[in-house]
Amino acid sequence: MPAPIIDLRSDTVTRPTPAMLEAMFHARVGDDVYEEDPTVRELEETAAARFGLEAGLFCPSGTMTNQIAIKAQTEPMTEVICDQTAHIYLWEVGGIAFNSGASVALLPGDRGRLSAAQVEAAIRDKNNVHYPPTRLVCLENTSNRGGGSCYSLESIQEIAEVTRRHGLKLHLDGARVFNALVATGQKAEEYGQYFDSISVCLSKGLGTPVGSVLLGSKELIQKSRRIRKALGGGMRQAGYLAAAGLYALEHNVNRLADDHRRAQQLSATLAAQPYVAKVLPAETNLVIFRLADEVPETAFLRHLDEQGIRASSFGPQMVRFVTHLDFDDAMLQRVEAALAAMPVPA
């Protein structure tokens, strides 16, 4: 039989394990739009408690949880501060403008990470009618474009102090927040004291088929529930999906360290190749690297594809690998062999 395809395009490509499917099949369900699905309630309460916040809202995607959080905490003609590479700005289809009518102040962070000084300097003079008043600061942890870079807890605390001093809200795009927690040793419950809202994705490193949870105060989540309905995000017997999330929170967090180990090994292998110009530090499960000019990105991706390996173009001469629970050590060895066998122009 042919070797299985190795898909390193994203950690969203995983499939539920048999044990996760078993949990899904046996879920207790109800109509979640009526707030009658017990498994959804359990997931929302479990996730909120883990992060030290009051309530949660289960949604189909991280894009929806992010966009709901932004709309719930801004008004038209106000402004959101974020890094210039933030997912909420680059990859959510202009949702901040479309859904919230808000402006965006883009800052050049350190591999996707902002500093408190940057945030404070970007806050608008609210008395100047020419400017959109600043309302919300958004952080991304880990940073996708930053190669899975992580915020220190000290940096988060410093930024939170700035936002509170200026009466602003602070949102976390935590699409890969569990990768950050595992890599840094930080505790999830510490985050609730700093963030007004947190988006937690379940369908990336945690391996569920679909879903994210928005966390915040009871008041924010009640407002967000109405926005979710307006966006078409109300689901009926969603407990089957929520059961996958509960299983993942219990069983799939600590194993993220294996994904990080494999990413670091790939990073080291890439750094040793003559056709690789630069590799970003692999702190978590993302490996982003730049090819030398003499090796076209298309040729490199075609070489991998011929070996049954899929990867993502991440810009001119840039490629991204993402490790995940469907990528094991045997597959890692196959990828390393393919990298070593890449033809290099003389």
Protein backbone atom coordinates (compact mmCIF):
# COMPACT_ATOMS: atom_id res chain seq x y z
CA MET A 1 0.00 0.00 0.00
CA PRO A 2 1.22 3.54 -0.67
CA ALA A 3 2.50 5.50 2.29
CA PRO A 4 -0.14 7.79 3.83
CA ILE A 5 -0.20 11.45 2.88
CA ILE A 6 1.61 13.67 5.37
CA ASP A 7 -0.31 16.92 5.72
CA LEU A 8 1.64 19.74 7.36
CA ARG A 9 -0.47 22.58 5.97
CA SER A 10 -2.26 23.17 9.27
CA ASP A 11 -3.25 21.60 12.57
CA THR A 12 -6.86 21.92 11.40
CA VAL A 13 -6.50 18.85 9.13
CA THR A 14 -6.73 16.30 11.95
CA ARG A 15 -9.52 13.76 12.27
CA PRO A 16 -11.20 12.69 15.52
CA THR A 17 -9.65 9.70 17.21
CA PRO A 18 -11.81 6.62 17.88
CA ALA A 19 -12.04 7.60 21.54
CA MET A 20 -13.18 11.12 20.64
CA LEU A 21 -15.77 9.73 18.23
CA GLU A 22 -17.03 7.43 20.98
CA ALA A 23 -17.50 10.43 23.27
CA MET A 24 -19.37 12.26 20.50
CA PHE A 25 -21.69 9.34 19.78
CA HIS A 26 -22.72 9.12 23.43
CA ALA A 27 -23.24 12.83 24.04
CA ARG A 28 -26.42 14.06 25.70
CA VAL A 29 -27.94 16.72 23.48
CA GLY A 30 -30.72 19.29 23.32
CA ASP A 31 -31.51 22.46 21.39
CA ASP A 32 -28.66 24.85 22.08
CA VAL A 33 -30.47 27.89 20.65
CA TYR A 34 -32.94 27.34 23.50
CA GLU A 35 -29.90 26.84 25.79
CA GLU A 36 -31.06 23.28 26.45
CA ASP A 37 -28.04 21.26 25.31
CA PRO A 38 -26.39 19.87 28.47
CA THR A 39 -23.12 18.94 26.78
CA VAL A 40 -22.70 22.41 25.28
CA ARG A 41 -23.37 23.91 28.71
CA GLU A 42 -20.77 21.63 30.25
CA LEU A 43 -18.18 22.58 27.64
CA GLU A 44 -18.82 26.31 28.08
CA GLU A 45 -18.65 26.08 31.86
CA THR A 46 -15.58 23.86 31.82
CA ALA A 47 -13.65 26.13 29.46
CA ALA A 48 -14.63 29.28 31.36
CA ALA A 49 -13.61 27.80 34.70
CA ARG A 50 -10.27 26.66 33.31
CA PHE A 51 -9.40 30.22 32.29
CA GLY A 52 -10.82 31.87 35.39
CA LEU A 53 -13.73 33.56 33.62
CA GLU A 54 -17.45 33.48 34.31
CA ALA A 55 -19.07 32.13 31.15
CA GLY A 56 -18.54 30.73 27.68
CA LEU A 57 -20.21 30.60 24.28
CA PHE A 58 -19.69 27.68 21.88
CA CYS A 59 -19.37 28.79 18.25
CA PRO A 60 -18.61 27.11 14.92
CA SER A 61 -15.21 28.77 14.41
CA GLY A 62 -12.46 30.91 15.88
CA THR A 63 -13.17 33.57 13.30
CA MET A 64 -16.70 33.84 14.68
CA THR A 65 -15.58 33.99 18.32
CA ASN A 66 -13.03 36.68 17.47
CA GLN A 67 -15.50 38.73 15.45
CA ILE A 68 -18.21 38.45 18.10
CA ALA A 69 -15.77 39.60 20.78
CA ILE A 70 -14.73 42.59 18.68
CA LYS A 71 -18.31 43.60 17.88
CA ALA A 72 -19.44 43.17 21.49
CA GLN A 73 -16.67 45.45 22.79
CA THR A 74 -16.51 48.20 20.14
CA GLU A 75 -18.84 50.59 18.34
CA PRO A 76 -18.71 51.92 14.78
CA MET A 77 -16.07 54.65 14.38
CA THR A 78 -13.97 53.30 17.26
CA GLU A 79 -10.60 51.58 16.89
CA VAL A 80 -8.98 48.22 17.55
CA ILE A 81 -5.24 47.92 18.26
CA CYS A 82 -3.46 44.78 17.08
CA ASP A 83 -0.24 43.55 15.50
CA GLN A 84 0.08 44.12 11.76
CA THR A 85 0.21 40.34 11.21
CA ALA A 86 -2.78 39.53 13.43
CA HIS A 87 -5.21 36.87 12.26
CA ILE A 88 -8.17 39.13 13.07
CA TYR A 89 -6.83 41.62 10.52
CA LEU A 90 -5.21 39.48 7.80
CA TRP A 91 -7.33 36.35 7.62
CA GLU A 92 -10.85 37.14 8.75
CA VAL A 93 -12.08 38.66 5.48
CA GLY A 94 -12.10 42.25 6.68
CA GLY A 95 -14.54 41.22 9.39
CA ILE A 96 -13.64 44.10 11.70
CA ALA A 97 -14.88 46.57 9.08
CA PHE A 98 -17.78 44.43 7.87
CA ASN A 99 -19.17 43.35 11.24
CA SER A 100 -18.16 46.17 13.57
CA GLY A 101 -17.53 49.26 11.44
CA ALA A 102 -14.34 49.80 13.43
CA SER A 103 -10.95 51.14 12.42
CA VAL A 104 -7.72 49.21 13.05
CA ALA A 105 -4.39 50.53 14.36
CA LEU A 106 -1.70 48.13 13.13
CA LEU A 107 1.54 47.89 15.11
CA PRO A 108 4.85 46.25 14.11
CA GLY A 109 5.33 43.78 16.93
CA ASP A 110 8.13 41.33 17.66
CA ARG A 111 7.11 38.24 15.70
CA GLY A 112 3.48 39.12 16.29
CA ARG A 113 3.87 40.18 19.93
CA LEU A 114 3.10 43.70 21.09
CA SER A 115 4.70 45.51 24.01
CA ALA A 116 2.90 47.61 26.59
CA ALA A 117 4.81 50.68 25.41
CA GLN A 118 3.64 50.14 21.82
CA VAL A 119 0.04 49.77 22.92
CA GLU A 120 0.11 52.88 25.08
CA ALA A 121 1.68 54.97 22.31
CA ALA A 122 -1.06 53.89 19.89
CA ILE A 123 -4.00 54.92 22.07
CA ARG A 124 -5.87 57.81 20.44
CA ASP A 125 -6.65 61.17 22.00
CA LYS A 126 -10.35 60.65 22.70
CA ASN A 127 -10.99 64.40 22.68
CA ASN A 128 -9.76 64.85 19.12
CA VAL A 129 -12.76 64.46 16.79
CA HIS A 130 -10.47 63.57 13.88
CA TYR A 131 -9.55 60.24 15.48
CA PRO A 132 -11.52 57.05 16.11
CA PRO A 133 -11.50 56.50 19.89
CA THR A 134 -9.53 53.43 20.95
CA ARG A 135 -11.80 50.77 22.45
CA LEU A 136 -10.12 47.37 22.22
CA VAL A 137 -6.65 45.80 22.19
CA CYS A 138 -6.28 42.33 20.67
CA LEU A 139 -3.37 39.97 21.32
CA GLU A 140 -2.71 36.66 19.55
CA ASN A 141 -1.07 33.85 21.53
CA THR A 142 0.57 32.00 19.94
CA SER A 143 1.21 34.24 16.94
CA ASN A 144 0.62 32.46 13.65
CA ARG A 145 2.73 34.77 11.45
CA GLY A 146 5.29 34.93 14.24
CA GLY A 147 5.98 31.23 13.88
CA GLY A 148 4.15 30.16 17.02
CA SER A 149 5.78 32.77 19.25
CA CYS A 150 4.46 33.09 22.81
CA TYR A 151 3.79 36.01 25.10
CA SER A 152 5.37 35.98 28.53
CA LEU A 153 2.90 36.38 31.39
CA GLU A 154 4.78 39.52 32.40
CA SER A 155 4.13 41.10 28.99
CA ILE A 156 0.44 40.22 29.17
CA GLN A 157 0.22 41.74 32.65
CA GLU A 158 1.92 44.95 31.51
CA ILE A 159 -0.44 45.34 28.54
CA ALA A 160 -3.46 44.63 30.75
CA GLU A 161 -2.34 47.38 33.12
CA VAL A 162 -2.21 49.83 30.21
CA THR A 163 -5.67 48.88 28.95
CA ARG A 164 -7.24 49.20 32.39
CA ARG A 165 -5.60 52.53 33.05
CA HIS A 166 -7.11 53.87 29.82
CA GLY A 167 -10.50 52.17 30.20
CA LEU A 168 -9.98 49.81 27.25
CA LYS A 169 -10.97 46.17 26.76
CA LEU A 170 -8.42 43.41 26.13
CA HIS A 171 -9.18 40.41 23.90
CA LEU A 172 -7.07 37.31 23.34
CA ASP A 173 -7.18 35.41 20.07
CA GLY A 174 -6.22 32.10 21.63
CA ALA A 175 -6.44 29.93 18.53
CA ARG A 176 -3.37 28.09 19.82
CA VAL A 177 -3.40 29.26 23.42
CA PHE A 178 -2.93 25.74 24.76
CA ASN A 179 0.28 25.45 22.73
CA ALA A 180 1.46 28.62 24.48
CA LEU A 181 0.48 27.28 27.90
CA VAL A 182 2.27 23.98 27.37
CA ALA A 183 5.40 25.63 25.96
CA THR A 184 5.73 28.27 28.69
CA GLY A 185 4.35 26.41 31.68
CA GLN A 186 1.83 29.20 32.28
CA LYS A 187 -1.50 28.37 33.94
CA ALA A 188 -4.77 28.91 32.07
CA GLU A 189 -6.54 30.20 35.17
CA GLU A 190 -4.09 33.11 35.36
CA TYR A 191 -5.37 34.52 32.06
CA GLY A 192 -8.85 35.43 33.29
CA GLN A 193 -7.54 38.23 35.48
CA TYR A 194 -6.00 40.00 32.49
CA PHE A 195 -8.37 39.48 29.56
CA ASP A 196 -11.94 40.69 29.14
CA SER A 197 -12.53 38.04 26.46
CA ILE A 198 -10.68 34.97 25.22
CA SER A 199 -11.28 32.95 22.06
CA VAL A 200 -10.22 29.31 22.50
CA CYS A 201 -10.04 27.14 19.38
CA LEU A 202 -10.72 23.43 19.80
CA SER A 203 -10.14 22.32 16.21
CA LYS A 204 -6.42 23.06 15.91
CA GLY A 205 -3.95 21.41 18.27
CA LEU A 206 -6.70 19.87 20.38
CA GLY A 207 -7.92 17.89 17.38
CA THR A 208 -11.70 18.34 17.38
CA PRO A 209 -13.57 18.46 14.06
CA VAL A 210 -15.06 21.92 14.60
CA GLY A 211 -15.62 24.63 17.17
CA SER A 212 -14.28 27.43 19.35
CA VAL A 213 -15.42 28.85 22.69
CA LEU A 214 -15.62 32.55 23.51
CA LEU A 215 -14.99 33.25 27.20
CA GLY A 216 -15.77 36.32 29.28
CA SER A 217 -18.07 37.77 31.90
CA LYS A 218 -21.70 36.68 32.10
CA GLU A 219 -22.76 40.07 30.78
CA LEU A 220 -20.39 39.91 27.80
CA ILE A 221 -21.41 36.36 26.91
CA GLN A 222 -25.12 37.21 27.05
CA LYS A 223 -24.50 40.07 24.64
CA SER A 224 -22.33 37.80 22.50
CA ARG A 225 -25.08 35.17 22.32
CA ARG A 226 -27.32 37.69 20.55
CA ILE A 227 -24.52 38.61 18.13
CA ARG A 228 -23.88 34.92 17.43
CA LYS A 229 -27.53 34.52 16.50
CA ALA A 230 -27.34 37.49 14.13
CA LEU A 231 -24.26 35.97 12.46
CA GLY A 232 -26.04 32.67 11.92
CA GLY A 233 -23.96 30.84 14.50
CA GLY A 234 -26.77 29.37 16.56
CA MET A 235 -26.61 25.56 16.43
CA ARG A 236 -29.22 23.07 17.54
CA GLN A 237 -28.04 19.65 18.80
CA ALA A 238 -24.48 20.92 19.04
CA GLY A 239 -23.66 18.65 21.97
CA TYR A 240 -22.20 16.07 19.59
CA LEU A 241 -19.54 18.63 18.66
CA ALA A 242 -19.18 19.94 22.20
CA ALA A 243 -18.46 16.40 23.42
CA ALA A 244 -15.38 16.38 21.20
CA GLY A 245 -14.27 19.60 22.87
CA LEU A 246 -14.70 18.16 26.36
CA TYR A 247 -12.74 15.07 25.38
CA ALA A 248 -9.97 17.24 23.92
CA LEU A 249 -9.68 19.42 27.02
CA GLU A 250 -9.26 16.32 29.14
CA HIS A 251 -6.99 14.23 26.91
CA ASN A 252 -5.28 16.32 24.22
CA VAL A 253 -3.60 19.23 26.00
CA ASN A 254 -0.47 17.70 27.53
CA ARG A 255 0.33 15.79 24.34
CA LEU A 256 0.94 19.11 22.56
CA ALA A 257 4.50 18.83 23.88
CA ASP A 258 5.03 16.03 21.32
CA ASP A 259 3.99 18.39 18.52
CA HIS A 260 6.46 20.97 19.81
CA ARG A 261 9.28 18.43 19.97
CA ARG A 262 8.69 17.37 16.39
CA ALA A 263 8.51 20.99 15.24
CA GLN A 264 11.85 21.71 16.88
CA GLN A 265 13.38 18.68 15.19
CA LEU A 266 12.06 19.84 11.80
CA SER A 267 13.46 23.29 12.50
CA ALA A 268 16.91 21.87 13.19
CA THR A 269 16.79 19.73 10.05
CA LEU A 270 15.76 22.71 7.92
CA ALA A 271 18.48 24.92 9.38
CA ALA A 272 21.06 22.38 8.18
CA GLN A 273 19.86 22.47 4.56
CA PRO A 274 21.88 24.62 2.11
CA TYR A 275 18.72 25.81 0.35
CA VAL A 276 17.13 27.27 3.52
CA ALA A 277 18.02 30.91 4.17
CA LYS A 278 16.29 31.40 7.53
CA VAL A 279 14.15 29.49 10.03
CA LEU A 280 12.07 31.32 12.62
CA PRO A 281 12.49 29.99 16.17
CA ALA A 282 10.14 27.04 16.67
CA GLU A 283 8.68 27.69 20.11
CA THR A 284 5.55 25.60 19.61
CA ASN A 285 4.11 23.63 16.68
CA LEU A 286 4.71 26.07 13.80
CA VAL A 287 7.83 26.03 11.64
CA ILE A 288 8.17 28.97 9.24
CA PHE A 289 11.21 29.26 7.01
CA ARG A 290 12.51 31.17 4.01
CA LEU A 291 14.07 29.43 1.04
CA ALA A 292 17.20 30.68 -0.65
CA ASP A 293 16.50 32.67 -3.81
CA GLU A 294 17.93 29.97 -6.10
CA VAL A 295 15.30 27.45 -4.94
CA PRO A 296 11.84 28.57 -6.08
CA GLU A 297 9.12 28.05 -3.53
CA THR A 298 6.94 26.32 -6.16
CA ALA A 299 9.71 23.83 -6.93
CA PHE A 300 10.20 23.06 -3.25
CA LEU A 301 6.49 22.48 -2.64
CA ARG A 302 6.28 20.33 -5.78
CA HIS A 303 9.19 18.20 -4.53
CA LEU A 304 7.41 17.63 -1.23
CA ASP A 305 4.15 16.84 -2.99
CA GLU A 306 5.89 14.18 -5.05
CA GLN A 307 6.94 12.59 -1.75
CA GLY A 308 3.36 12.64 -0.45
CA ILE A 309 3.96 15.67 1.79
CA ARG A 310 1.77 18.77 1.85
CA ALA A 311 2.88 22.16 3.13
CA SER A 312 1.68 25.77 2.92
CA SER A 313 3.09 28.67 1.00
CA PHE A 314 3.42 31.53 3.48
CA GLY A 315 4.53 34.36 1.22
CA PRO A 316 7.29 34.86 -1.35
CA GLN A 317 9.90 32.15 -0.71
CA MET A 318 8.25 31.40 2.65
CA VAL A 319 6.88 28.00 3.72
CA ARG A 320 5.05 26.86 6.84
CA PHE A 321 4.96 23.43 8.47
CA VAL A 322 2.46 22.73 11.27
CA THR A 323 2.80 19.65 13.45
CA HIS A 324 -0.28 18.04 15.00
CA LEU A 325 -1.69 14.86 16.51
CA ASP A 326 -1.95 13.10 13.13
CA PHE A 327 1.79 13.60 12.52
CA ASP A 328 3.92 10.97 14.23
CA ASP A 329 7.63 10.15 14.50
CA ALA A 330 7.59 7.83 11.49
CA MET A 331 6.15 10.65 9.39
CA LEU A 332 8.76 13.00 10.81
CA GLN A 333 11.49 10.71 9.50
CA ARG A 334 9.88 10.68 6.05
CA VAL A 335 9.79 14.47 5.97
CA GLU A 336 13.42 14.72 7.08
CA ALA A 337 14.44 12.31 4.30
CA ALA A 338 12.50 14.35 1.74
CA LEU A 339 14.16 17.56 2.93
CA ALA A 340 17.60 15.99 2.63
CA ALA A 341 16.80 14.77 -0.88
CA MET A 342 15.74 18.19 -2.21
CA PRO A 343 17.71 18.93 -5.40
CA VAL A 344 19.79 22.08 -5.10
CA PRO A 345 20.91 24.03 -8.21
CA ALA A 346 24.65 23.98 -8.70
